[in-house]
C-alpha atoms as a PDB file:
ATOM      1  CA  MET A   1      -0.205   0.334   0.282  1.00  0.00           C
ATOM      2  CA  ASN A   2       1.630   3.316  -1.079  1.00  0.00           C
ATOM      3  CA  ASN A   3       1.837   5.204   2.417  1.00  0.00           C
ATOM      4  CA  THR A   4       2.352   9.062   1.023  1.00  0.00           C
ATOM      5  CA  CYS A   5      -0.454  10.934   2.566  1.00  0.00           C
ATOM      6  CA  SER A   6      -0.850  14.682   3.282  1.00  0.00           C
ATOM      7  CA  ILE A   7      -1.814  16.409   6.688  1.00  0.00           C
ATOM      8  CA  ILE A   8      -4.432  19.030   7.551  1.00  0.00           C
ATOM      9  CA  ILE A   9      -3.905  21.162  10.248  1.00  0.00           C
ATOM     10  CA  ARG A  10      -6.733  23.268  11.519  1.00  0.00           C
ATOM     11  CA  CYS A  11      -4.910  25.728  13.509  1.00  0.00           C
ATOM     12  CA  TYR A  12      -6.129  29.417  15.067  1.00  0.00           C
ATOM     13  CA  ASN A  13      -3.415  30.747  17.641  1.00  0.00           C
ATOM     14  CA  GLU A  14      -1.070  28.039  18.202  1.00  0.00           C
ATOM     15  CA  GLU A  15       1.977  29.375  18.911  1.00  0.00           C
ATOM     16  CA  ARG A  16       2.521  27.372  21.299  1.00  0.00           C
ATOM     17  CA  HIS A  17       2.281  24.342  20.262  1.00  0.00           C
ATOM     18  CA  ILE A  18       1.946  23.763  16.534  1.00  0.00           C
ATOM     19  CA  GLY A  19       6.654  24.372  16.338  1.00  0.00           C
ATOM     20  CA  ARG A  20       6.035  20.679  18.515  1.00  0.00           C
ATOM     21  CA  LEU A  21       3.476  18.948  16.047  1.00  0.00           C
ATOM     22  CA  LEU A  22       5.650  19.739  12.986  1.00  0.00           C
ATOM     23  CA  SER A  23       8.891  18.962  14.085  1.00  0.00           C
ATOM     24  CA  GLY A  24       7.273  15.376  15.140  1.00  0.00           C
ATOM     25  CA  ILE A  25       5.532  14.956  11.782  1.00  0.00           C
ATOM     26  CA  THR A  26       9.419  15.567  10.098  1.00  0.00           C
ATOM     27  CA  GLN A  27      10.531  13.326  12.067  1.00  0.00           C
ATOM     28  CA  GLN A  28       8.014  10.275  10.987  1.00  0.00           C
ATOM     29  CA  SER A  29       9.130   6.874   8.726  1.00  0.00           C
ATOM     30  CA  VAL A  30       6.711   7.719   6.450  1.00  0.00           C
ATOM     31  CA  ALA A  31       8.471  10.317   3.875  1.00  0.00           C
ATOM     32  CA  ASP A  32       7.697  13.534   2.965  1.00  0.00           C
ATOM     33  CA  PRO A  33       4.130  13.903   3.582  1.00  0.00           C
ATOM     34  CA  GLU A  34       2.476  16.401   2.644  1.00  0.00           C
ATOM     35  CA  ILE A  35       1.887  19.433   5.167  1.00  0.00           C
ATOM     36  CA  ILE A  36      -1.402  22.102   5.114  1.00  0.00           C
ATOM     37  CA  LEU A  37      -2.205  24.640   7.661  1.00  0.00           C
ATOM     38  CA  VAL A  38      -5.617  25.797   7.681  1.00  0.00           C
ATOM     39  CA  ASP A  39      -5.361  29.086   9.569  1.00  0.00           C
ATOM     40  CA  SER A  40      -8.296  31.055  10.404  1.00  0.00           C
ATOM     41  CA  GLY A  41      -6.857  34.363  11.455  1.00  0.00           C
ATOM     42  CA  SER A  42      -4.020  33.686  13.852  1.00  0.00           C
ATOM     43  CA  SER A  43      -2.560  37.314  15.366  1.00  0.00           C
ATOM     44  CA  ASP A  44       0.254  35.547  17.317  1.00  0.00           C
ATOM     45  CA  ALA A  45       3.486  34.025  15.599  1.00  0.00           C
ATOM     46  CA  THR A  46       1.469  30.328  14.495  1.00  0.00           C
ATOM     47  CA  LEU A  47       2.577  31.629  10.483  1.00  0.00           C
ATOM     48  CA  ASP A  48       6.180  32.391  11.230  1.00  0.00           C
ATOM     49  CA  ILE A  49       6.515  29.323  13.057  1.00  0.00           C
ATOM     50  CA  ALA A  50       5.229  26.560  10.643  1.00  0.00           C
ATOM     51  CA  SER A  51       6.748  28.840   7.397  1.00  0.00           C
ATOM     52  CA  ARG A  52       9.912  27.097   8.660  1.00  0.00           C
ATOM     53  CA  TYR A  53       8.990  24.049   8.051  1.00  0.00           C
ATOM     54  CA  PRO A  54       7.538  22.859   4.561  1.00  0.00           C
ATOM     55  CA  VAL A  55       4.233  23.117   4.699  1.00  0.00           C
ATOM     56  CA  LYS A  56       1.136  24.644   2.645  1.00  0.00           C
ATOM     57  CA  ILE A  57      -0.702  27.157   3.590  1.00  0.00           C
ATOM     58  CA  VAL A  58      -4.198  28.140   3.460  1.00  0.00           C
ATOM     59  CA  HIS A  59      -6.748  30.249   5.059  1.00  0.00           C
ATOM     60  CA  ILE A  60     -10.189  30.474   6.005  1.00  0.00           C
ATOM     61  CA  ALA A  61     -12.089  34.127   6.994  1.00  0.00           C
ATOM     62  CA  PRO A  62     -13.161  33.636  10.824  1.00  0.00           C
ATOM     63  CA  GLU A  63     -16.552  35.248   9.997  1.00  0.00           C
ATOM     64  CA  VAL A  64     -17.116  32.263   8.169  1.00  0.00           C
ATOM     65  CA  PHE A  65     -15.822  29.372  10.243  1.00  0.00           C
ATOM     66  CA  SER A  66     -16.812  26.240  11.088  1.00  0.00           C
ATOM     67  CA  PHE A  67     -14.708  23.146  11.724  1.00  0.00           C
ATOM     68  CA  GLY A  68     -16.217  21.215   8.947  1.00  0.00           C
ATOM     69  CA  ARG A  69     -15.759  24.481   6.719  1.00  0.00           C
ATOM     70  CA  ALA A  70     -11.961  24.354   7.311  1.00  0.00           C
ATOM     71  CA  LEU A  71     -11.529  20.469   6.717  1.00  0.00           C
ATOM     72  CA  ASN A  72     -13.629  20.896   3.490  1.00  0.00           C
ATOM     73  CA  ILE A  73     -10.580  23.646   2.517  1.00  0.00           C
ATOM     74  CA  GLY A  74      -8.574  21.898   3.153  1.00  0.00           C
ATOM     75  CA  CYS A  75      -9.598  18.390   2.094  1.00  0.00           C
ATOM     76  CA  GLU A  76     -10.128  20.451  -1.515  1.00  0.00           C
ATOM     77  CA  ALA A  77      -5.961  21.130  -1.387  1.00  0.00           C
ATOM     78  CA  ALA A  78      -5.250  17.597  -0.050  1.00  0.00           C
ATOM     79  CA  ALA A  79      -2.498  16.328  -3.550  1.00  0.00           C
ATOM     80  CA  ASN A  80      -2.878  12.548  -2.168  1.00  0.00           C
ATOM     81  CA  GLU A  81      -5.657  10.105  -1.401  1.00  0.00           C
ATOM     82  CA  PHE A  82      -4.906   9.577   2.820  1.00  0.00           C
ATOM     83  CA  ILE A  83      -5.735  12.232   4.628  1.00  0.00           C
ATOM     84  CA  VAL A  84      -4.459  12.701   8.276  1.00  0.00           C
ATOM     85  CA  LEU A  85      -6.544  15.075  10.178  1.00  0.00           C
ATOM     86  CA  ALA A  86      -4.506  16.583  13.278  1.00  0.00           C
ATOM     87  CA  SER A  87      -5.239  19.318  16.202  1.00  0.00           C
ATOM     88  CA  ALA A  88      -2.532  21.760  15.754  1.00  0.00           C
ATOM     89  CA  HIS A  89      -2.137  20.946  19.766  1.00  0.00           C
ATOM     90  CA  VAL A  90      -1.231  17.273  19.372  1.00  0.00           C
ATOM     91  CA  TYR A  91       1.651  15.751  19.248  1.00  0.00           C
ATOM     92  CA  PRO A  92       3.223  12.372  17.947  1.00  0.00           C
ATOM     93  CA  LEU A  93       5.535  10.875  20.623  1.00  0.00           C
ATOM     94  CA  TYR A  94       6.754   8.243  18.646  1.00  0.00           C
ATOM     95  CA  LYS A  95       8.308   7.952  14.649  1.00  0.00           C
ATOM     96  CA  ASP A  96       5.784   5.810  13.349  1.00  0.00           C
ATOM     97  CA  TRP A  97       2.815   7.291  13.905  1.00  0.00           C
ATOM     98  CA  LEU A  98       1.719   8.127  10.709  1.00  0.00           C
ATOM     99  CA  GLU A  99       2.779   4.522   9.687  1.00  0.00           C
ATOM    100  CA  LYS A 100       0.752   2.656  12.440  1.00  0.00           C
ATOM    101  CA  LEU A 101      -2.492   5.304  11.599  1.00  0.00           C
ATOM    102  CA  LEU A 102      -2.451   4.352   7.643  1.00  0.00           C
ATOM    103  CA  SER A 103      -1.732   0.535   8.185  1.00  0.00           C
ATOM    104  CA  TYR A 104      -5.274   0.088   8.320  1.00  0.00           C
ATOM    105  CA  PHE A 105      -5.823   1.384   5.165  1.00  0.00           C
ATOM    106  CA  VAL A 106      -4.887  -1.913   3.504  1.00  0.00           C
ATOM    107  CA  ASP A 107      -8.475  -3.234   3.926  1.00  0.00           C
ATOM    108  CA  GLU A 108     -10.226  -1.151   1.299  1.00  0.00           C
ATOM    109  CA  ARG A 109     -14.085  -0.621   3.289  1.00  0.00           C
ATOM    110  CA  VAL A 110     -12.394   1.588   5.488  1.00  0.00           C
ATOM    111  CA  ALA A 111     -12.952   4.725   5.441  1.00  0.00           C
ATOM    112  CA  LEU A 112     -11.715   6.253   8.233  1.00  0.00           C
ATOM    113  CA  VAL A 113      -9.427   5.428  11.299  1.00  0.00           C
ATOM    114  CA  TYR A 114      -8.496   7.457  14.403  1.00  0.00           C
ATOM    115  CA  GLY A 115      -5.831   6.983  16.736  1.00  0.00           C
ATOM    116  CA  ARG A 116      -5.357   6.620  20.718  1.00  0.00           C
ATOM    117  CA  GLN A 117      -4.931   9.871  22.101  1.00  0.00           C
ATOM    118  CA  VAL A 118      -3.422  10.702  25.954  1.00  0.00           C
ATOM    119  CA  GLY A 119      -3.032  13.655  28.009  1.00  0.00           C
ATOM    120  CA  ASN A 120       0.637  14.894  29.948  1.00  0.00           C
ATOM    121  CA  SER A 121       1.072  15.411  33.539  1.00  0.00           C
ATOM    122  CA  HIS A 122      -0.422  18.865  33.703  1.00  0.00           C
ATOM    123  CA  SER A 123      -3.778  17.233  32.330  1.00  0.00           C
ATOM    124  CA  LYS A 124      -6.873  17.508  34.652  1.00  0.00           C
ATOM    125  CA  PHE A 125      -7.580  14.312  35.830  1.00  0.00           C
ATOM    126  CA  SER A 126     -11.226  14.111  35.117  1.00  0.00           C
ATOM    127  CA  GLU A 127     -10.202  14.842  31.252  1.00  0.00           C
ATOM    128  CA  GLN A 128      -7.680  12.405  31.685  1.00  0.00           C
ATOM    129  CA  ARG A 129      -9.626   9.694  32.539  1.00  0.00           C
ATOM    130  CA  VAL A 130     -12.695  10.970  29.600  1.00  0.00           C
ATOM    131  CA  PHE A 131      -8.979  10.013  27.522  1.00  0.00           C
ATOM    132  CA  ASP A 132      -9.146   6.183  28.526  1.00  0.00           C
ATOM    133  CA  GLN A 133     -12.184   6.219  28.245  1.00  0.00           C
ATOM    134  CA  TRP A 134     -12.753   7.329  24.563  1.00  0.00           C
ATOM    135  CA  PHE A 135      -9.325   6.233  23.579  1.00  0.00           C
ATOM    136  CA  PRO A 136      -8.478   1.899  24.713  1.00  0.00           C
ATOM    137  CA  GLY A 137      -4.823   0.593  24.789  1.00  0.00           C
ATOM    138  CA  VAL A 138      -7.004  -1.769  22.557  1.00  0.00           C
ATOM    139  CA  SER A 139      -7.346  -1.246  18.507  1.00  0.00           C
ATOM    140  CA  ASN A 140     -10.861  -2.311  16.514  1.00  0.00           C
ATOM    141  CA  ARG A 141     -10.260  -2.928  12.963  1.00  0.00           C
ATOM    142  CA  CYS A 142     -14.104  -2.771  12.394  1.00  0.00           C
ATOM    143  CA  GLN A 143     -16.387  -0.503  15.037  1.00  0.00           C
ATOM    144  CA  ASN A 144     -19.738  -0.921  15.071  1.00  0.00           C
ATOM    145  CA  HIS A 145     -20.353   3.191  16.003  1.00  0.00           C
ATOM    146  CA  PRO A 146     -20.154   6.761  14.474  1.00  0.00           C
ATOM    147  CA  PHE A 147     -17.695   7.770  17.274  1.00  0.00           C
ATOM    148  CA  CYS A 148     -14.402   9.080  16.407  1.00  0.00           C
ATOM    149  CA  ASN A 149     -12.233  12.369  16.889  1.00  0.00           C
ATOM    150  CA  ASN A 150     -10.521  14.906  14.096  1.00  0.00           C
ATOM    151  CA  ALA A 151      -8.006  15.143  16.873  1.00  0.00           C
ATOM    152  CA  ASN A 152      -5.938  12.330  15.339  1.00  0.00           C
ATOM    153  CA  ALA A 153      -7.819  10.592  12.617  1.00  0.00           C
ATOM    154  CA  ALA A 154      -7.376  10.052   8.741  1.00  0.00           C
ATOM    155  CA  ILE A 155      -9.816   9.347   5.970  1.00  0.00           C
ATOM    156  CA  ARG A 156      -9.780   8.157   2.105  1.00  0.00           C
ATOM    157  CA  LYS A 157     -10.071  11.641   0.012  1.00  0.00           C
ATOM    158  CA  SER A 158     -12.465   9.100  -2.454  1.00  0.00           C
ATOM    159  CA  VAL A 159     -15.102   9.130   0.297  1.00  0.00           C
ATOM    160  CA  TRP A 160     -14.075  12.675   1.521  1.00  0.00           C
ATOM    161  CA  GLU A 161     -15.448  13.855  -2.568  1.00  0.00           C
ATOM    162  CA  LYS A 162     -18.741  11.850  -1.470  1.00  0.00           C
ATOM    163  CA  LEU A 163     -19.535  12.542   1.715  1.00  0.00           C
ATOM    164  CA  PRO A 164     -17.593  16.403   3.044  1.00  0.00           C
ATOM    165  CA  TYR A 165     -17.944  16.587   5.696  1.00  0.00           C
ATOM    166  CA  GLU A 166     -21.273  19.637   7.185  1.00  0.00           C
ATOM    167  CA  GLU A 167     -20.353  23.014   7.561  1.00  0.00           C
ATOM    168  CA  SER A 168     -23.558  23.920   9.425  1.00  0.00           C
ATOM    169  CA  LEU A 169     -22.273  22.128  12.953  1.00  0.00           C
ATOM    170  CA  THR A 170     -20.553  23.657  15.577  1.00  0.00           C
ATOM    171  CA  GLY A 171     -18.911  20.769  16.425  1.00  0.00           C
ATOM    172  CA  LEU A 172     -18.812  16.681  16.453  1.00  0.00           C
ATOM    173  CA  GLU A 173     -18.411  16.894  12.636  1.00  0.00           C
ATOM    174  CA  ASP A 174     -16.149  14.414  12.773  1.00  0.00           C
ATOM    175  CA  LEU A 175     -19.231  12.154  14.581  1.00  0.00           C
ATOM    176  CA  ASP A 176     -21.459  13.246  11.328  1.00  0.00           C
ATOM    177  CA  TRP A 177     -18.999  11.922   8.996  1.00  0.00           C
ATOM    178  CA  ALA A 178     -18.468   8.445  10.690  1.00  0.00           C
ATOM    179  CA  LYS A 179     -22.053   8.282  11.132  1.00  0.00           C
ATOM    180  CA  ARG A 180     -22.943   8.896   7.137  1.00  0.00           C
ATOM    181  CA  ALA A 181     -19.437   6.679   6.200  1.00  0.00           C
ATOM    182  CA  LEU A 182     -20.534   4.045   8.029  1.00  0.00           C
ATOM    183  CA  SER A 183     -24.853   4.634   6.402  1.00  0.00           C
ATOM    184  CA  GLN A 184     -22.591   4.153   3.124  1.00  0.00           C
ATOM    185  CA  HIS A 185     -21.733   0.680   4.231  1.00  0.00           C
ATOM    186  CA  TYR A 186     -17.999   1.578   5.013  1.00  0.00           C
ATOM    187  CA  ARG A 187     -16.196   1.074   8.160  1.00  0.00           C
ATOM    188  CA  ILE A 188     -14.448   2.949  10.863  1.00  0.00           C
ATOM    189  CA  ALA A 189     -10.905   1.354  12.377  1.00  0.00           C
ATOM    190  CA  TYR A 190      -9.515   2.673  15.425  1.00  0.00           C
ATOM    191  CA  SER A 191      -5.608   2.271  16.322  1.00  0.00           C
ATOM    192  CA  ALA A 192      -4.679   1.816  19.758  1.00  0.00           C
ATOM    193  CA  GLU A 193      -0.810   2.005  17.938  1.00  0.00           C
ATOM    194  CA  ALA A 194      -1.140   5.474  16.647  1.00  0.00           C
ATOM    195  CA  GLU A 195      -1.179   7.456  19.554  1.00  0.00           C
ATOM    196  CA  ILE A 196      -0.493  11.335  19.934  1.00  0.00           C
ATOM    197  CA  VAL A 197      -0.169  13.400  22.868  1.00  0.00           C
ATOM    198  CA  HIS A 198      -3.284  16.020  23.376  1.00  0.00           C
ATOM    199  CA  VAL A 199      -2.301  18.846  24.811  1.00  0.00           C
ATOM    200  CA  HIS A 200      -5.701  20.131  25.995  1.00  0.00           C
ATOM    201  CA  GLU A 201      -5.317  22.365  29.018  1.00  0.00           C
ATOM    202  CA  GLU A 202      -8.679  24.750  29.385  1.00  0.00           C
ATOM    203  CA  THR A 203     -10.100  27.027  31.777  1.00  0.00           C
ATOM    204  CA  PHE A 204     -13.172  25.812  33.160  1.00  0.00           C
ATOM    205  CA  GLY A 205     -15.634  28.245  31.568  1.00  0.00           C
ATOM    206  CA  ARG A 206     -14.251  26.659  27.677  1.00  0.00           C
ATOM    207  CA  ILE A 207     -14.693  23.312  29.418  1.00  0.00           C
ATOM    208  CA  LEU A 208     -18.284  23.745  29.427  1.00  0.00           C
ATOM    209  CA  ASN A 209     -18.064  26.144  26.194  1.00  0.00           C
ATOM    210  CA  ARG A 210     -16.656  22.840  24.338  1.00  0.00           C
ATOM    211  CA  TYR A 211     -19.317  20.823  26.005  1.00  0.00           C
ATOM    212  CA  ARG A 212     -22.134  22.994  25.319  1.00  0.00           C
ATOM    213  CA  ARG A 213     -21.222  23.607  21.842  1.00  0.00           C
ATOM    214  CA  GLU A 214     -20.910  19.798  20.591  1.00  0.00           C
ATOM    215  CA  ALA A 215     -24.454  19.111  22.517  1.00  0.00           C
ATOM    216  CA  LEU A 216     -25.569  21.823  19.948  1.00  0.00           C
ATOM    217  CA  ALA A 217     -24.113  19.933  17.078  1.00  0.00           C
ATOM    218  CA  MET A 218     -25.374  16.364  19.096  1.00  0.00           C
ATOM    219  CA  LYS A 219     -28.895  17.655  18.328  1.00  0.00           C
ATOM    220  CA  GLN A 220     -28.517  18.134  15.430  1.00  0.00           C
ATOM    221  CA  ILE A 221     -26.305  14.921  13.870  1.00  0.00           C
ATOM    222  CA  MET A 222     -28.959  12.930  15.962  1.00  0.00           C
ATOM    223  CA  PRO A 223     -31.986  14.551  17.238  1.00  0.00           C
ATOM    224  CA  GLU A 224     -33.471  11.409  18.790  1.00  0.00           C
ATOM    225  CA  GLU A 225     -31.386  12.400  21.544  1.00  0.00           C
ATOM    226  CA  THR A 226     -31.469  14.155  24.756  1.00  0.00           C
ATOM    227  CA  PHE A 227     -29.958  15.458  27.581  1.00  0.00           C
ATOM    228  CA  SER A 228     -32.364  16.425  30.772  1.00  0.00           C
ATOM    229  CA  PHE A 229     -31.834  17.921  33.861  1.00  0.00           C
ATOM    230  CA  THR A 230     -32.273  14.577  35.915  1.00  0.00           C
ATOM    231  CA  ASP A 231     -29.678  13.647  32.911  1.00  0.00           C
ATOM    232  CA  PHE A 232     -27.089  16.107  33.915  1.00  0.00           C
ATOM    233  CA  LEU A 233     -27.199  15.601  37.753  1.00  0.00           C
ATOM    234  CA  ARG A 234     -27.038  11.382  37.693  1.00  0.00           C
ATOM    235  CA  LEU A 235     -24.221  11.649  35.596  1.00  0.00           C
ATOM    236  CA  PHE A 236     -22.686  14.503  36.986  1.00  0.00           C
ATOM    237  CA  ILE A 237     -22.961  12.539  41.116  1.00  0.00           C
ATOM    238  CA  SER A 238     -21.741   9.197  39.142  1.00  0.00           C
ATOM    239  CA  ASN A 239     -18.888  10.538  37.197  1.00  0.00           C
ATOM    240  CA  CYS A 240     -17.460  12.712  40.614  1.00  0.00           C
ATOM    241  CA  GLY A 241     -18.019   9.453  42.771  1.00  0.00           C
ATOM    242  CA  SER A 242     -15.931   7.368  39.917  1.00  0.00           C
ATOM    243  CA  ASP A 243     -12.939  10.340  39.599  1.00  0.00           C
ATOM    244  CA  ILE A 244     -13.218  10.584  43.265  1.00  0.00           C
ATOM    245  CA  LEU A 245     -12.222   6.932  44.056  1.00  0.00           C
ATOM    246  CA  LYS A 246      -9.852   6.297  41.413  1.00  0.00           C
ATOM    247  CA  ALA A 247      -7.937   9.581  42.572  1.00  0.00           C
ATOM    248  CA  SER A 248      -8.530   7.612  45.971  1.00  0.00           C
ATOM    249  CA  ARG A 249      -7.032   4.654  45.218  1.00  0.00           C
ATOM    250  CA  ASP A 250      -4.224   6.620  43.743  1.00  0.00           C
ATOM    251  CA  GLY A 251      -3.330   8.754  46.907  1.00  0.00           C
ATOM    252  CA  VAL A 252      -4.058  12.131  45.049  1.00  0.00           C
ATOM    253  CA  LEU A 253      -7.688  12.689  45.809  1.00  0.00           C
ATOM    254  CA  GLY A 254      -6.432  15.865  48.142  1.00  0.00           C
ATOM    255  CA  LYS A 255      -4.568  17.463  45.436  1.00  0.00           C
ATOM    256  CA  GLU A 256      -7.431  16.215  42.444  1.00  0.00           C
ATOM    257  CA  ALA A 257     -10.992  16.757  44.581  1.00  0.00           C
ATOM    258  CA  ALA A 258     -12.052  20.018  43.604  1.00  0.00           C
ATOM    259  CA  SER A 259     -10.599  20.378  40.362  1.00  0.00           C
ATOM    260  CA  ILE A 260     -13.137  16.773  39.699  1.00  0.00           C
ATOM    261  CA  CYS A 261     -15.960  18.629  40.889  1.00  0.00           C
ATOM    262  CA  ALA A 262     -15.619  21.674  38.484  1.00  0.00           C
ATOM    263  CA  PHE A 263     -14.632  19.800  35.614  1.00  0.00           C
ATOM    264  CA  ARG A 264     -17.415  17.075  35.681  1.00  0.00           C
ATOM    265  CA  LEU A 265     -19.672  19.950  36.595  1.00  0.00           C
ATOM    266  CA  MET A 266     -18.746  21.930  33.520  1.00  0.00           C
ATOM    267  CA  GLN A 267     -19.040  18.331  31.126  1.00  0.00           C
ATOM    268  CA  PHE A 268     -22.218  17.996  32.056  1.00  0.00           C
ATOM    269  CA  TRP A 269     -23.563  21.600  32.549  1.00  0.00           C
ATOM    270  CA  GLY A 270     -22.427  22.522  29.139  1.00  0.00           C
ATOM    271  CA  THR A 271     -23.850  19.742  27.547  1.00  0.00           C
ATOM    272  CA  TYR A 272     -27.731  19.889  29.619  1.00  0.00           C
ATOM    273  CA  ARG A 273     -27.463  23.795  28.237  1.00  0.00           C
ATOM    274  CA  GLY A 274     -26.754  23.200  24.831  1.00  0.00           C
ATOM    275  CA  PHE A 275     -29.475  20.325  24.281  1.00  0.00           C
ATOM    276  CA  SER A 276     -31.970  22.996  26.091  1.00  0.00           C
ATOM    277  CA  GLN A 277     -30.942  25.862  23.862  1.00  0.00           C
ATOM    278  CA  LYS A 278     -33.773  26.816  21.596  1.00  0.00           C
ATOM    279  CA  GLY A 279     -33.152  28.235  17.783  1.00  0.00           C
ATOM    280  CA  PRO A 280     -30.519  29.133  15.162  1.00  0.00           C
ATOM    281  CA  VAL A 281     -27.151  29.750  16.908  1.00  0.00           C
ATOM    282  CA  SER A 282     -25.925  33.213  16.188  1.00  0.00           C
ATOM    283  CA  THR A 283     -23.531  34.922  15.280  1.00  0.00           C
ATOM    284  CA  SER A 284     -21.647  36.146  18.311  1.00  0.00           C
ATOM    285  CA  LEU A 285     -21.949  32.986  20.321  1.00  0.00           C
ATOM    286  CA  ARG A 286     -20.203  30.893  16.935  1.00  0.00           C
ATOM    287  CA  GLN A 287     -17.498  33.348  17.127  1.00  0.00           C
ATOM    288  CA  ARG A 288     -17.385  33.071  21.575  1.00  0.00           C
ATOM    289  CA  PHE A 289     -17.131  29.057  20.503  1.00  0.00           C
ATOM    290  CA  TYR A 290     -14.872  29.384  18.204  1.00  0.00           C
ATOM    291  CA  TYR A 291     -12.389  31.943  19.345  1.00  0.00           C
ATOM    292  CA  PRO A 292     -11.959  31.685  22.990  1.00  0.00           C
ATOM    293  CA  SER A 293      -8.361  33.065  25.132  1.00  0.00           C
ATOM    294  CA  ASP A 294      -5.082  31.678  24.261  1.00  0.00           C
ATOM    295  CA  TRP A 295      -3.838  28.730  26.161  1.00  0.00           C
ATOM    296  CA  ARG A 296      -1.339  28.065  29.126  1.00  0.00           C
ATOM    297  CA  ALA A 297       2.020  26.382  27.608  1.00  0.00           C
ATOM    298  CA  THR A 298       1.957  22.459  28.938  1.00  0.00           C
ATOM    299  CA  PRO A 299       4.863  20.329  29.588  1.00  0.00           C
ATOM    300  CA  VAL A 300       5.642  17.630  27.392  1.00  0.00           C
ATOM    301  CA  GLN A 301       4.992  14.458  27.704  1.00  0.00           C
ATOM    302  CA  GLU A 302       7.924  10.982  27.819  1.00  0.00           C
ATOM    303  CA  CYS A 303       8.314   8.488  25.208  1.00  0.00           C
ATOM    304  CA  ASN A 304       8.921   4.698  26.665  1.00  0.00           C
ATOM    305  CA  ASP A 305      10.032   3.045  23.926  1.00  0.00           C
ATOM    306  CA  ALA A 306      13.589   4.602  22.926  1.00  0.00           C
ATOM    307  CA  SER A 307      14.144   2.697  19.478  1.00  0.00           C
ATOM    308  CA  ARG A 308      10.959   4.628  18.462  1.00  0.00           C
ATOM    309  CA  CYS A 309      11.111   8.125  19.860  1.00  0.00           C
ATOM    310  CA  ILE A 310      11.062  11.483  18.160  1.00  0.00           C
ATOM    311  CA  ASP A 311      14.049  13.683  19.331  1.00  0.00           C
ATOM    312  CA  TYR A 312      12.211  17.275  20.523  1.00  0.00           C
ATOM    313  CA  SER A 313      15.587  18.275  22.491  1.00  0.00           C
ATOM    314  CA  HIS A 314      16.226  20.726  19.907  1.00  0.00           C
ATOM    315  CA  GLU A 315      12.542  22.404  20.110  1.00  0.00           C
ATOM    316  CA  SER A 316      11.126  24.517  22.695  1.00  0.00           C
ATOM    317  CA  SER A 317       7.776  23.401  24.504  1.00  0.00           C
ATOM    318  CA  CYS A 318       6.311  26.199  23.162  1.00  0.00           C
ATOM    319  CA  GLY A 319       8.315  26.694  19.144  1.00  0.00           C
ATOM    320  CA  LEU A 320       8.591  30.256  20.110  1.00  0.00           C
ATOM    321  CA  ASN A 321      12.451  29.305  20.491  1.00  0.00           C
ATOM    322  CA  ASP A 322      12.901  27.511  17.274  1.00  0.00           C
ATOM    323  CA  PRO A 323      16.342  28.372  15.287  1.00  0.00           C
END
């Protein structure tokens, strides 16, 4: 199988992270991938850092941005059949990340592969629990549901040409695409070996914003789904209880208890608010969803397999001091 691929990275003010991702891509065992940045109006050093690498930069105006529209612009610009989708604030630990991700396309029925995501030492306790639940350590070559995540995924361009991303959604465009692909009898695969670190530190307000935005999208994708105030209470209490028990067993409850309660409150209150909202999403609300305040710099996750590890020693943790 030809492993040549295009990589699409959506970005907005990602100067703290983009250099590490691009450095990791250039050290992959898959040679010379095409790298496409879809930028939605960065005003920091993102584009200056990206210009030091072999990238193609395309632009989308902030006022017309949606996750699906940005992906469609990137896919249209891609020259290769296999298109890898990566968040600008992820980075691979291993040189065979792309190789592992693309290997599932040996099955011609596979339309989408998504890979494992882990946090780092500064990820919130409950956020890491979400990663563990959503991205387990066992692969699945033919899953029977549409869950996936475009922070670390790959698709076939030939399938995208038949099924472009829905541009009206406020999130979960990946879930919507996978649902439609499954309905056309394509397969969705999960690769636990294609692992990235997702730098997903957020303020609690941003966590609420993210889950609210995704709940609005879920209502559009799966209108039969509901989320009542009773659901909010049940899930908040049960998930807090589970996290607190795990933190207690890990000996970190004193340090993590407040964060656990705050995270789960924002997660499920945001979901409840999204499901409860009536009417269309206003322009001002879309701006709030898509253009929050900057993220803090975060530490680097460690690689535990020296033979496969990527060398980031010449990179700063944020990409600002690249040579």
